[in-house]
Structures are given as C-alpha cells and as structure tokens.
Amino acid sequence: MNDFLYDCVNTCTEAMLPVRLGQLNLLLNLNLLRQLELEP
C-alpha cells in the first residue's frame, strides 16, 4: 500500500510540476514587465 501511495504522489507531482513552473514563469514575467514600466 505504501508503494502504491508513493507512486501516486510521484505521478501527481510530475504532472503538476509543469503547471507550477508555468505559473512561476508567468509571475516572474509580470514582475519584469512591472519593473520595466516603472523605469523612466
């Protein structure tokens, strides 16, 4: 049962990783855009 749970967690984590990275990338890009807009 532990192995099954572990596999499930690993699979879910791998599936969610690109989504998390995409969200992080979006946030970083938004921050960069804001900084550029603030510069005179």
PDB file of N, CA and C in Angstrom:
ATOM      1  N   MET A   1       0.836  -1.201   0.000  1.00  0.00           N
ATOM      2  CA  MET A   1       0.000   0.000   0.000  1.00  0.00           C
ATOM      3  C   MET A   1       0.872   1.251   0.000  1.00  0.00           C
ATOM      4  N   ASN A   2       1.956   1.217   0.745  1.00  0.00           N
ATOM      5  CA  ASN A   2       2.842   2.372   0.785  1.00  0.00           C
ATOM      6  C   ASN A   2       3.444   2.659  -0.585  1.00  0.00           C
ATOM      7  N   ASP A   3       3.848   1.585  -1.287  1.00  0.00           N
ATOM      8  CA  ASP A   3       4.435   1.758  -2.615  1.00  0.00           C
ATOM      9  C   ASP A   3       3.432   2.387  -3.570  1.00  0.00           C
ATOM     10  N   PHE A   4       2.188   1.946  -3.480  1.00  0.00           N
ATOM     11  CA  PHE A   4       1.153   2.484  -4.359  1.00  0.00           C
ATOM     12  C   PHE A   4       0.957   3.979  -4.101  1.00  0.00           C
ATOM     13  N   LEU A   5       0.900   4.329  -2.822  1.00  0.00           N
ATOM     14  CA  LEU A   5       0.710   5.720  -2.435  1.00  0.00           C
ATOM     15  C   LEU A   5       1.878   6.566  -2.921  1.00  0.00           C
ATOM     16  N   TYR A   6       3.082   6.018  -2.763  1.00  0.00           N
ATOM     17  CA  TYR A   6       4.293   6.722  -3.174  1.00  0.00           C
ATOM     18  C   TYR A   6       4.285   6.971  -4.679  1.00  0.00           C
ATOM     19  N   ASP A   7       3.908   5.949  -5.437  1.00  0.00           N
ATOM     20  CA  ASP A   7       3.837   6.089  -6.896  1.00  0.00           C
ATOM     21  C   ASP A   7       2.802   7.145  -7.286  1.00  0.00           C
ATOM     22  N   CYS A   8       1.686   7.131  -6.579  1.00  0.00           N
ATOM     23  CA  CYS A   8       0.616   8.087  -6.886  1.00  0.00           C
ATOM     24  C   CYS A   8       1.102   9.511  -6.633  1.00  0.00           C
ATOM     25  N   VAL A   9       1.769   9.710  -5.504  1.00  0.00           N
ATOM     26  CA  VAL A   9       2.283  11.045  -5.174  1.00  0.00           C
ATOM     27  C   VAL A   9       3.307  11.488  -6.208  1.00  0.00           C
ATOM     28  N   ASN A  10       4.197  10.577  -6.592  1.00  0.00           N
ATOM     29  CA  ASN A  10       5.212  10.915  -7.593  1.00  0.00           C
ATOM     30  C   ASN A  10       4.560  11.305  -8.914  1.00  0.00           C
ATOM     31  N   THR A  11       3.568  10.534  -9.332  1.00  0.00           N
ATOM     32  CA  THR A  11       2.893  10.809 -10.602  1.00  0.00           C
ATOM     33  C   THR A  11       2.183  12.152 -10.557  1.00  0.00           C
ATOM     34  N   CYS A  12       1.492  12.402  -9.445  1.00  0.00           N
ATOM     35  CA  CYS A  12       0.767  13.673  -9.306  1.00  0.00           C
ATOM     36  C   CYS A  12       1.750  14.839  -9.311  1.00  0.00           C
ATOM     37  N   THR A  13       2.866  14.670  -8.615  1.00  0.00           N
ATOM     38  CA  THR A  13       3.868  15.738  -8.546  1.00  0.00           C
ATOM     39  C   THR A  13       4.443  16.015  -9.926  1.00  0.00           C
ATOM     40  N   GLU A  14       4.761  14.966 -10.663  1.00  0.00           N
ATOM     41  CA  GLU A  14       5.322  15.137 -12.009  1.00  0.00           C
ATOM     42  C   GLU A  14       4.316  15.795 -12.928  1.00  0.00           C
ATOM     43  N   ALA A  15       3.045  15.474 -12.748  1.00  0.00           N
ATOM     44  CA  ALA A  15       2.007  16.049 -13.600  1.00  0.00           C
ATOM     45  C   ALA A  15       1.804  17.532 -13.289  1.00  0.00           C
ATOM     46  N   MET A  16       1.957  17.886 -12.016  1.00  0.00           N
ATOM     47  CA  MET A  16       1.714  19.255 -11.607  1.00  0.00           C
ATOM     48  C   MET A  16       2.928  20.167 -11.812  1.00  0.00           C
ATOM     49  N   LEU A  17       4.104  19.573 -11.906  1.00  0.00           N
ATOM     50  CA  LEU A  17       5.325  20.366 -11.996  1.00  0.00           C
ATOM     51  C   LEU A  17       5.314  21.372 -13.148  1.00  0.00           C
ATOM     52  N   PRO A  18       4.975  20.971 -14.371  1.00  0.00           N
ATOM     53  CA  PRO A  18       4.959  21.937 -15.472  1.00  0.00           C
ATOM     54  C   PRO A  18       3.971  23.078 -15.216  1.00  0.00           C
ATOM     55  N   VAL A  19       2.857  22.752 -14.552  1.00  0.00           N
ATOM     56  CA  VAL A  19       1.855  23.778 -14.258  1.00  0.00           C
ATOM     57  C   VAL A  19       2.431  24.780 -13.268  1.00  0.00           C
ATOM     58  N   ARG A  20       3.084  24.254 -12.233  1.00  0.00           N
ATOM     59  CA  ARG A  20       3.695  25.126 -11.223  1.00  0.00           C
ATOM     60  C   ARG A  20       4.773  26.002 -11.861  1.00  0.00           C
ATOM     61  N   LEU A  21       5.595  25.394 -12.698  1.00  0.00           N
ATOM     62  CA  LEU A  21       6.663  26.150 -13.352  1.00  0.00           C
ATOM     63  C   LEU A  21       6.068  27.214 -14.265  1.00  0.00           C
ATOM     64  N   GLY A  22       4.979  26.888 -14.925  1.00  0.00           N
ATOM     65  CA  GLY A  22       4.326  27.843 -15.804  1.00  0.00           C
ATOM     66  C   GLY A  22       3.788  29.032 -15.018  1.00  0.00           C
ATOM     67  N   GLN A  23       3.190  28.751 -13.854  1.00  0.00           N
ATOM     68  CA  GLN A  23       2.669  29.827 -13.014  1.00  0.00           C
ATOM     69  C   GLN A  23       3.813  30.703 -12.523  1.00  0.00           C
ATOM     70  N   LEU A  24       4.910  30.064 -12.102  1.00  0.00           N
ATOM     71  CA  LEU A  24       6.065  30.798 -11.609  1.00  0.00           C
ATOM     72  C   LEU A  24       6.654  31.672 -12.714  1.00  0.00           C
ATOM     73  N   ASN A  25       6.754  31.103 -13.911  1.00  0.00           N
ATOM     74  CA  ASN A  25       7.273  31.837 -15.068  1.00  0.00           C
ATOM     75  C   ASN A  25       6.411  33.058 -15.354  1.00  0.00           C
ATOM     76  N   LEU A  26       5.107  32.877 -15.275  1.00  0.00           N
ATOM     77  CA  LEU A  26       4.175  33.963 -15.534  1.00  0.00           C
ATOM     78  C   LEU A  26       4.359  35.081 -14.517  1.00  0.00           C
ATOM     79  N   LEU A  27       4.504  34.690 -13.237  1.00  0.00           N
ATOM     80  CA  LEU A  27       4.706  35.682 -12.188  1.00  0.00           C
ATOM     81  C   LEU A  27       6.001  36.445 -12.402  1.00  0.00           C
ATOM     82  N   LEU A  28       7.051  35.719 -12.755  1.00  0.00           N
ATOM     83  CA  LEU A  28       8.339  36.378 -12.981  1.00  0.00           C
ATOM     84  C   LEU A  28       8.247  37.354 -14.150  1.00  0.00           C
ATOM     85  N   ASN A  29       7.567  36.937 -15.212  1.00  0.00           N
ATOM     86  CA  ASN A  29       7.420  37.813 -16.376  1.00  0.00           C
ATOM     87  C   ASN A  29       6.615  39.060 -16.035  1.00  0.00           C
ATOM     88  N   LEU A  30       5.568  38.890 -15.226  1.00  0.00           N
ATOM     89  CA  LEU A  30       4.756  40.038 -14.826  1.00  0.00           C
ATOM     90  C   LEU A  30       5.577  41.005 -13.995  1.00  0.00           C
ATOM     91  N   ASN A  31       6.406  40.464 -13.100  1.00  0.00           N
ATOM     92  CA  ASN A  31       7.262  41.314 -12.276  1.00  0.00           C
ATOM     93  C   ASN A  31       8.246  42.081 -13.140  1.00  0.00           C
ATOM     94  N   LEU A  32       8.822  41.401 -14.127  1.00  0.00           N
ATOM     95  CA  LEU A  32       9.766  42.066 -15.025  1.00  0.00           C
ATOM     96  C   LEU A  32       9.076  43.190 -15.803  1.00  0.00           C
ATOM     97  N   LEU A  33       7.871  42.924 -16.277  1.00  0.00           N
ATOM     98  CA  LEU A  33       7.138  43.944 -17.029  1.00  0.00           C
ATOM     99  C   LEU A  33       6.843  45.149 -16.157  1.00  0.00           C
ATOM    100  N   ARG A  34       6.474  44.891 -14.902  1.00  0.00           N
ATOM    101  CA  ARG A  34       6.171  45.995 -13.986  1.00  0.00           C
ATOM    102  C   ARG A  34       7.413  46.840 -13.743  1.00  0.00           C
ATOM    103  N   GLN A  35       8.544  46.166 -13.570  1.00  0.00           N
ATOM    104  CA  GLN A  35       9.790  46.894 -13.318  1.00  0.00           C
ATOM    105  C   GLN A  35      10.154  47.756 -14.528  1.00  0.00           C
ATOM    106  N   LEU A  36       9.953  47.202 -15.718  1.00  0.00           N
ATOM    107  CA  LEU A  36      10.265  47.964 -16.930  1.00  0.00           C
ATOM    108  C   LEU A  36       9.350  49.178 -17.064  1.00  0.00           C
ATOM    109  N   GLU A  37       8.075  48.998 -16.678  1.00  0.00           N
ATOM    110  CA  GLU A  37       7.126  50.108 -16.784  1.00  0.00           C
ATOM    111  C   GLU A  37       7.455  51.198 -15.774  1.00  0.00           C
ATOM    112  N   LEU A  38       8.000  50.808 -14.612  1.00  0.00           N
ATOM    113  CA  LEU A  38       8.315  51.777 -13.572  1.00  0.00           C
ATOM    114  C   LEU A  38       9.548  52.599 -13.914  1.00  0.00           C
ATOM    115  N   GLU A  39      10.418  52.026 -14.732  1.00  0.00           N
ATOM    116  CA  GLU A  39      11.633  52.766 -15.089  1.00  0.00           C
ATOM    117  C   GLU A  39      11.288  53.961 -15.978  1.00  0.00           C
ATOM    118  N   PRO A  40      11.895  55.106 -15.719  1.00  0.00           N
ATOM    119  CA  PRO A  40      11.616  56.308 -16.510  1.00  0.00           C
ATOM    120  C   PRO A  40      12.136  56.175 -17.940  1.00  0.00           C
TER     121      PRO A  40
END
